C-alpha atoms as a PDB file:
ATOM      1  CA  MET A   1     -19.178  12.798   4.696  1.00  0.00           C
ATOM      2  CA  ASP A   2     -16.233  13.628   6.963  1.00  0.00           C
ATOM      3  CA  THR A   3     -12.735  13.999   5.633  1.00  0.00           C
ATOM      4  CA  PHE A   4     -10.827  10.749   6.053  1.00  0.00           C
ATOM      5  CA  ILE A   5      -7.366  10.841   7.565  1.00  0.00           C
ATOM      6  CA  ILE A   6      -4.880   8.767   5.619  1.00  0.00           C
ATOM      7  CA  ALA A   7      -2.267   7.510   8.065  1.00  0.00           C
ATOM      8  CA  THR A   8       0.670   8.169   5.786  1.00  0.00           C
ATOM      9  CA  ASN A   9       2.875  11.040   4.710  1.00  0.00           C
ATOM     10  CA  ASN A  10       3.336   9.481   1.280  1.00  0.00           C
ATOM     11  CA  GLU A  11       1.713  11.887  -1.185  1.00  0.00           C
ATOM     12  CA  LYS A  12       1.729   9.247  -3.941  1.00  0.00           C
ATOM     13  CA  LYS A  13      -0.297   6.866  -1.784  1.00  0.00           C
ATOM     14  CA  LEU A  14      -2.734   9.690  -1.103  1.00  0.00           C
ATOM     15  CA  LEU A  15      -3.149  10.302  -4.829  1.00  0.00           C
ATOM     16  CA  GLU A  16      -3.848   6.607  -5.449  1.00  0.00           C
ATOM     17  CA  LEU A  17      -6.477   6.526  -2.711  1.00  0.00           C
ATOM     18  CA  ASN A  18      -8.092   9.777  -3.837  1.00  0.00           C
ATOM     19  CA  ARG A  19      -8.482   8.594  -7.424  1.00  0.00           C
ATOM     20  CA  ILE A  20     -10.808   5.882  -6.209  1.00  0.00           C
ATOM     21  CA  LEU A  21     -12.391   7.449  -3.101  1.00  0.00           C
ATOM     22  CA  ASN A  22     -13.180  10.909  -4.506  1.00  0.00           C
ATOM     23  CA  PRO A  23     -15.968   9.635  -6.820  1.00  0.00           C
ATOM     24  CA  MET A  24     -17.715   8.396  -3.650  1.00  0.00           C
ATOM     25  CA  GLY A  25     -17.738  11.918  -2.280  1.00  0.00           C
ATOM     26  CA  ILE A  26     -14.958  11.091   0.168  1.00  0.00           C
ATOM     27  CA  THR A  27     -12.144  13.599   0.623  1.00  0.00           C
ATOM     28  CA  SER A  28      -8.952  12.707   2.405  1.00  0.00           C
ATOM     29  CA  GLN A  29      -5.758  14.213   3.712  1.00  0.00           C
ATOM     30  CA  THR A  30      -2.494  12.860   5.052  1.00  0.00           C
ATOM     31  CA  ALA A  31      -1.700  12.812   8.738  1.00  0.00           C
ATOM     32  CA  ARG A  32       0.709  15.706   8.243  1.00  0.00           C
ATOM     33  CA  GLN A  33      -1.929  17.770   6.433  1.00  0.00           C
ATOM     34  CA  ALA A  34      -4.222  17.121   9.388  1.00  0.00           C
ATOM     35  CA  GLY A  35      -1.571  18.493  11.725  1.00  0.00           C
ATOM     36  CA  ILE A  36      -0.649  15.251  13.450  1.00  0.00           C
ATOM     37  CA  CYS A  37       2.589  13.294  13.534  1.00  0.00           C
ATOM     38  CA  LEU A  38       2.605   9.539  13.234  1.00  0.00           C
ATOM     39  CA  ASP A  39       6.363   9.237  12.805  1.00  0.00           C
ATOM     40  CA  ASN A  40       6.769   7.657  16.228  1.00  0.00           C
ATOM     41  CA  ILE A  41       4.136   4.988  15.699  1.00  0.00           C
ATOM     42  CA  GLU A  42       5.964   1.663  15.700  1.00  0.00           C
ATOM     43  CA  GLU A  43       4.792  -0.943  13.225  1.00  0.00           C
ATOM     44  CA  THR A  44       5.272  -3.900  15.544  1.00  0.00           C
ATOM     45  CA  GLY A  45       2.843  -6.237  13.788  1.00  0.00           C
ATOM     46  CA  THR A  46       3.940  -9.470  12.164  1.00  0.00           C
ATOM     47  CA  THR A  47       1.356  -9.190   9.377  1.00  0.00           C
ATOM     48  CA  PHE A  48       0.241  -6.448   6.994  1.00  0.00           C
ATOM     49  CA  GLU A  49      -3.174  -6.388   8.659  1.00  0.00           C
ATOM     50  CA  GLU A  50      -1.730  -5.870  12.128  1.00  0.00           C
ATOM     51  CA  ASN A  51       0.459  -2.980  10.982  1.00  0.00           C
ATOM     52  CA  ALA A  52      -2.387  -1.322   9.063  1.00  0.00           C
ATOM     53  CA  ARG A  53      -4.595  -1.563  12.154  1.00  0.00           C
ATOM     54  CA  ILE A  54      -1.903  -0.020  14.389  1.00  0.00           C
ATOM     55  CA  LYS A  55      -1.585   3.023  12.119  1.00  0.00           C
ATOM     56  CA  ALA A  56      -5.304   3.487  11.490  1.00  0.00           C
ATOM     57  CA  ARG A  57      -6.113   3.220  15.197  1.00  0.00           C
ATOM     58  CA  ALA A  58      -3.438   5.782  16.074  1.00  0.00           C
ATOM     59  CA  ALA A  59      -4.777   8.284  13.525  1.00  0.00           C
ATOM     60  CA  PHE A  60      -8.352   7.718  14.696  1.00  0.00           C
ATOM     61  CA  ILE A  61      -7.458   8.280  18.348  1.00  0.00           C
ATOM     62  CA  LEU A  62      -5.410  11.412  17.621  1.00  0.00           C
ATOM     63  CA  THR A  63      -7.959  13.088  15.326  1.00  0.00           C
ATOM     64  CA  GLY A  64     -11.341  11.602  16.191  1.00  0.00           C
ATOM     65  CA  LYS A  65     -11.962  11.354  12.454  1.00  0.00           C
ATOM     66  CA  PRO A  66     -12.457   8.304  10.252  1.00  0.00           C
ATOM     67  CA  SER A  67      -9.023   7.003   9.368  1.00  0.00           C
ATOM     68  CA  ILE A  68      -7.468   4.790   6.753  1.00  0.00           C
ATOM     69  CA  ALA A  69      -4.081   3.113   6.873  1.00  0.00           C
ATOM     70  CA  ASP A  70      -2.478   0.543   4.682  1.00  0.00           C
ATOM     71  CA  ASP A  71       0.481  -1.734   4.991  1.00  0.00           C
ATOM     72  CA  SER A  72       1.927  -2.993   1.771  1.00  0.00           C
ATOM     73  CA  GLY A  73       4.732  -5.304   0.934  1.00  0.00           C
ATOM     74  CA  LEU A  74       6.540  -7.258  -1.714  1.00  0.00           C
ATOM     75  CA  MET A  75       6.766 -10.998  -1.241  1.00  0.00           C
ATOM     76  CA  VAL A  76       9.331 -12.860  -3.331  1.00  0.00           C
ATOM     77  CA  ASP A  77       8.829 -16.616  -3.565  1.00  0.00           C
ATOM     78  CA  ALA A  78      12.522 -17.460  -3.953  1.00  0.00           C
ATOM     79  CA  LEU A  79      13.269 -15.504  -0.763  1.00  0.00           C
ATOM     80  CA  ASN A  80      10.601 -17.296   1.288  1.00  0.00           C
ATOM     81  CA  GLY A  81       8.280 -14.288   1.172  1.00  0.00           C
ATOM     82  CA  ALA A  82      10.879 -11.620   1.959  1.00  0.00           C
ATOM     83  CA  PRO A  83      10.986  -8.655   2.207  1.00  0.00           C
ATOM     84  CA  GLY A  84       7.367  -9.005   3.449  1.00  0.00           C
ATOM     85  CA  VAL A  85       6.500  -6.717   6.365  1.00  0.00           C
ATOM     86  CA  TYR A  86      10.056  -5.347   6.174  1.00  0.00           C
ATOM     87  CA  THR A  87       9.581  -4.125   2.597  1.00  0.00           C
ATOM     88  CA  ALA A  88      10.073  -0.418   3.367  1.00  0.00           C
ATOM     89  CA  ARG A  89      13.193  -0.992   5.469  1.00  0.00           C
ATOM     90  CA  TYR A  90      14.644  -4.006   3.681  1.00  0.00           C
ATOM     91  CA  SER A  91      18.097  -2.485   3.295  1.00  0.00           C
ATOM     92  CA  GLY A  92      18.329  -1.084   6.819  1.00  0.00           C
ATOM     93  CA  GLU A  93      17.057   1.617   9.142  1.00  0.00           C
ATOM     94  CA  ASN A  94      17.767   4.460   6.707  1.00  0.00           C
ATOM     95  CA  ALA A  95      16.591   2.561   3.640  1.00  0.00           C
ATOM     96  CA  THR A  96      15.707   4.351   0.417  1.00  0.00           C
ATOM     97  CA  ASP A  97      13.872   3.058  -2.641  1.00  0.00           C
ATOM     98  CA  LYS A  98      17.217   2.843  -4.417  1.00  0.00           C
ATOM     99  CA  SER A  99      18.995   0.922  -1.653  1.00  0.00           C
ATOM    100  CA  ASN A 100      16.076  -1.487  -1.250  1.00  0.00           C
ATOM    101  CA  ILE A 101      16.024  -2.224  -4.965  1.00  0.00           C
ATOM    102  CA  GLU A 102      19.789  -2.725  -5.025  1.00  0.00           C
ATOM    103  CA  LYS A 103      19.655  -5.193  -2.150  1.00  0.00           C
ATOM    104  CA  LEU A 104      16.798  -7.163  -3.676  1.00  0.00           C
ATOM    105  CA  LEU A 105      18.486  -7.373  -7.069  1.00  0.00           C
ATOM    106  CA  TYR A 106      21.656  -8.564  -5.345  1.00  0.00           C
ATOM    107  CA  GLU A 107      19.731 -11.260  -3.459  1.00  0.00           C
ATOM    108  CA  MET A 108      18.151 -12.356  -6.745  1.00  0.00           C
ATOM    109  CA  ARG A 109      21.311 -12.112  -8.834  1.00  0.00           C
ATOM    110  CA  ASP A 110      21.576 -15.864  -9.533  1.00  0.00           C
ATOM    111  CA  LYS A 111      17.875 -16.551  -9.967  1.00  0.00           C
ATOM    112  CA  PRO A 112      16.655 -17.423 -13.486  1.00  0.00           C
ATOM    113  CA  GLN A 113      13.402 -16.010 -14.866  1.00  0.00           C
ATOM    114  CA  ALA A 114      11.414 -19.044 -13.743  1.00  0.00           C
ATOM    115  CA  ASP A 115      12.415 -18.471 -10.115  1.00  0.00           C
ATOM    116  CA  ARG A 116      11.668 -14.749  -9.951  1.00  0.00           C
ATOM    117  CA  THR A 117       7.933 -14.904  -9.164  1.00  0.00           C
ATOM    118  CA  ALA A 118       6.609 -12.457  -6.610  1.00  0.00           C
ATOM    119  CA  HIS A 119       3.499 -10.628  -5.529  1.00  0.00           C
ATOM    120  CA  PHE A 120       2.625  -7.326  -3.949  1.00  0.00           C
ATOM    121  CA  VAL A 121       0.108  -7.270  -1.092  1.00  0.00           C
ATOM    122  CA  THR A 122      -1.825  -4.348   0.387  1.00  0.00           C
ATOM    123  CA  THR A 123      -4.043  -4.585   3.437  1.00  0.00           C
ATOM    124  CA  ILE A 124      -6.127  -1.537   4.327  1.00  0.00           C
ATOM    125  CA  CYS A 125      -7.697  -0.862   7.694  1.00  0.00           C
ATOM    126  CA  CYS A 126     -10.454   1.760   7.786  1.00  0.00           C
ATOM    127  CA  ILE A 127     -11.976   2.947  11.051  1.00  0.00           C
ATOM    128  CA  LEU A 128     -15.245   4.852  10.786  1.00  0.00           C
ATOM    129  CA  ASN A 129     -16.672   7.526  13.090  1.00  0.00           C
ATOM    130  CA  ASP A 130     -18.417   4.974  15.287  1.00  0.00           C
ATOM    131  CA  GLY A 131     -15.330   2.797  15.594  1.00  0.00           C
ATOM    132  CA  THR A 132     -16.465   0.265  12.999  1.00  0.00           C
ATOM    133  CA  GLU A 133     -13.430  -1.393  11.437  1.00  0.00           C
ATOM    134  CA  ILE A 134     -13.206  -2.437   7.801  1.00  0.00           C
ATOM    135  CA  ILE A 135     -10.384  -4.611   6.449  1.00  0.00           C
ATOM    136  CA  ALA A 136      -9.644  -4.968   2.740  1.00  0.00           C
ATOM    137  CA  THR A 137      -6.778  -6.840   1.071  1.00  0.00           C
ATOM    138  CA  GLY A 138      -5.541  -6.776  -2.507  1.00  0.00           C
ATOM    139  CA  LYS A 139      -2.794  -8.644  -4.361  1.00  0.00           C
ATOM    140  CA  CYS A 140      -0.965  -8.399  -7.661  1.00  0.00           C
ATOM    141  CA  THR A 141       1.209 -11.175  -9.085  1.00  0.00           C
ATOM    142  CA  GLY A 142       4.296 -10.595 -11.201  1.00  0.00           C
ATOM    143  CA  THR A 143       8.020 -11.223 -11.374  1.00  0.00           C
ATOM    144  CA  ILE A 144      11.200  -9.469 -10.278  1.00  0.00           C
ATOM    145  CA  GLY A 145      13.058  -7.879 -13.185  1.00  0.00           C
ATOM    146  CA  PHE A 146      16.797  -7.975 -13.713  1.00  0.00           C
ATOM    147  CA  GLU A 147      17.211  -4.198 -13.624  1.00  0.00           C
ATOM    148  CA  PRO A 148      15.105  -1.100 -12.882  1.00  0.00           C
ATOM    149  CA  ILE A 149      12.919   0.000 -15.806  1.00  0.00           C
ATOM    150  CA  GLY A 150      10.711   3.093 -16.001  1.00  0.00           C
ATOM    151  CA  ASN A 151      10.512   6.429 -14.210  1.00  0.00           C
ATOM    152  CA  GLY A 152       7.058   6.320 -12.621  1.00  0.00           C
ATOM    153  CA  GLY A 153       5.692   4.932  -9.390  1.00  0.00           C
ATOM    154  CA  PHE A 154       7.712   4.496  -6.223  1.00  0.00           C
ATOM    155  CA  GLY A 155       9.253   1.796  -4.047  1.00  0.00           C
ATOM    156  CA  TYR A 156       9.992  -1.399  -5.953  1.00  0.00           C
ATOM    157  CA  ASP A 157       7.868  -0.399  -8.965  1.00  0.00           C
ATOM    158  CA  PRO A 158      10.852  -0.234 -11.395  1.00  0.00           C
ATOM    159  CA  ILE A 159      11.678  -3.919 -10.859  1.00  0.00           C
ATOM    160  CA  PHE A 160       8.191  -5.399 -10.443  1.00  0.00           C
ATOM    161  CA  MET A 161       7.244  -6.783 -13.831  1.00  0.00           C
ATOM    162  CA  THR A 162       3.613  -7.329 -14.802  1.00  0.00           C
ATOM    163  CA  ARG A 163       2.282 -10.127 -16.972  1.00  0.00           C
ATOM    164  CA  ASP A 164       2.437  -7.942 -20.080  1.00  0.00           C
ATOM    165  CA  GLY A 165       6.173  -7.424 -19.630  1.00  0.00           C
ATOM    166  CA  LYS A 166       6.082  -3.865 -18.296  1.00  0.00           C
ATOM    167  CA  SER A 167       7.278  -2.732 -14.912  1.00  0.00           C
ATOM    168  CA  PHE A 168       4.913  -0.916 -12.569  1.00  0.00           C
ATOM    169  CA  ALA A 169       7.109   2.139 -13.148  1.00  0.00           C
ATOM    170  CA  GLN A 170       6.245   2.093 -16.853  1.00  0.00           C
ATOM    171  CA  LEU A 171       2.487   2.156 -16.336  1.00  0.00           C
ATOM    172  CA  SER A 172       0.279   5.228 -16.305  1.00  0.00           C
ATOM    173  CA  ALA A 173      -1.621   5.959 -13.106  1.00  0.00           C
ATOM    174  CA  ASP A 174      -4.830   4.550 -14.591  1.00  0.00           C
ATOM    175  CA  GLU A 175      -3.113   1.412 -15.873  1.00  0.00           C
ATOM    176  CA  LYS A 176      -1.533   0.779 -12.507  1.00  0.00           C
ATOM    177  CA  ASP A 177      -4.782   1.372 -10.590  1.00  0.00           C
ATOM    178  CA  LYS A 178      -6.538  -1.293 -12.640  1.00  0.00           C
ATOM    179  CA  ILE A 179      -4.174  -4.112 -11.666  1.00  0.00           C
ATOM    180  CA  SER A 180      -2.173  -3.051  -8.618  1.00  0.00           C
ATOM    181  CA  HIS A 181      -2.426  -4.549  -5.159  1.00  0.00           C
ATOM    182  CA  ARG A 182      -3.402  -1.167  -3.744  1.00  0.00           C
ATOM    183  CA  GLY A 183      -5.964  -0.580  -6.462  1.00  0.00           C
ATOM    184  CA  ASN A 184      -7.510  -3.998  -5.786  1.00  0.00           C
ATOM    185  CA  ALA A 185      -7.574  -3.361  -2.035  1.00  0.00           C
ATOM    186  CA  ILE A 186      -9.118   0.091  -2.459  1.00  0.00           C
ATOM    187  CA  ARG A 187     -11.841  -1.276  -4.745  1.00  0.00           C
ATOM    188  CA  GLN A 188     -12.655  -3.887  -2.108  1.00  0.00           C
ATOM    189  CA  LEU A 189     -12.681  -1.139   0.537  1.00  0.00           C
ATOM    190  CA  LYS A 190     -14.962   0.948  -1.689  1.00  0.00           C
ATOM    191  CA  LYS A 191     -17.537  -1.856  -1.880  1.00  0.00           C
ATOM    192  CA  LYS A 192     -17.496  -2.330   1.881  1.00  0.00           C
ATOM    193  CA  LEU A 193     -17.752   1.418   2.517  1.00  0.00           C
ATOM    194  CA  GLU A 194     -20.709   1.695   0.153  1.00  0.00           C
ATOM    195  CA  LYS A 195     -22.518  -1.006   2.130  1.00  0.00           C
ATOM    196  CA  CYS A 196     -21.863   0.886   5.373  1.00  0.00           C
ATOM    197  CA  ILE A 197     -23.070   4.175   3.868  1.00  0.00           C
ATOM    198  CA  LYS A 198     -26.262   2.550   2.540  1.00  0.00           C
ATOM    199  CA  SER A 199     -27.004   0.926   5.890  1.00  0.00           C
ATOM    200  CA  GLU A 200     -26.655   4.313   7.597  1.00  0.00           C
ATOM    201  CA  GLU A 201     -29.168   5.807   5.168  1.00  0.00           C
ATOM    202  CA  ILE A 202     -31.822   3.175   5.829  1.00  0.00           C
END
């Protein structure tokens, strides 16, 4: 099977995808590893699915190879679903993980535990060699912590608390894969890809 282009330069996202896709015999590489630049691709969609499709389509057109892109976000109930599609740039154009976390904690500063519910969402768009498009979505429910905890993960992981009281940043890679929004979306993608592969073999 061809190498899949992952429309991201985030090495940690690539690792998460590879842990689940590699057992299927699928290898992947980031856009940068493939020698293309997607930095100028504007995520103009108003939903995670639209943004994932924009990135996957751009990678597919530029490389001619099957491409996968995801758009993920944190949706906080007390903030009417914010940051949502603006998750990565919540604190401004030059946002960092640290500045995003600081802004979110500030916005939630007066919220009691009962009002700190939130969920992560990942939508993946996969475009195969023949242009077939596969969409997969995964979610993970939790709460927003009162301070960053843990040294693992990335993004908002240190303040996203799971049902067992640990932050995403405290979980091992395997533990996170089993419950995370991205892990759930990738498993759904895996099932859909397997169906496509089997149909090609018939």
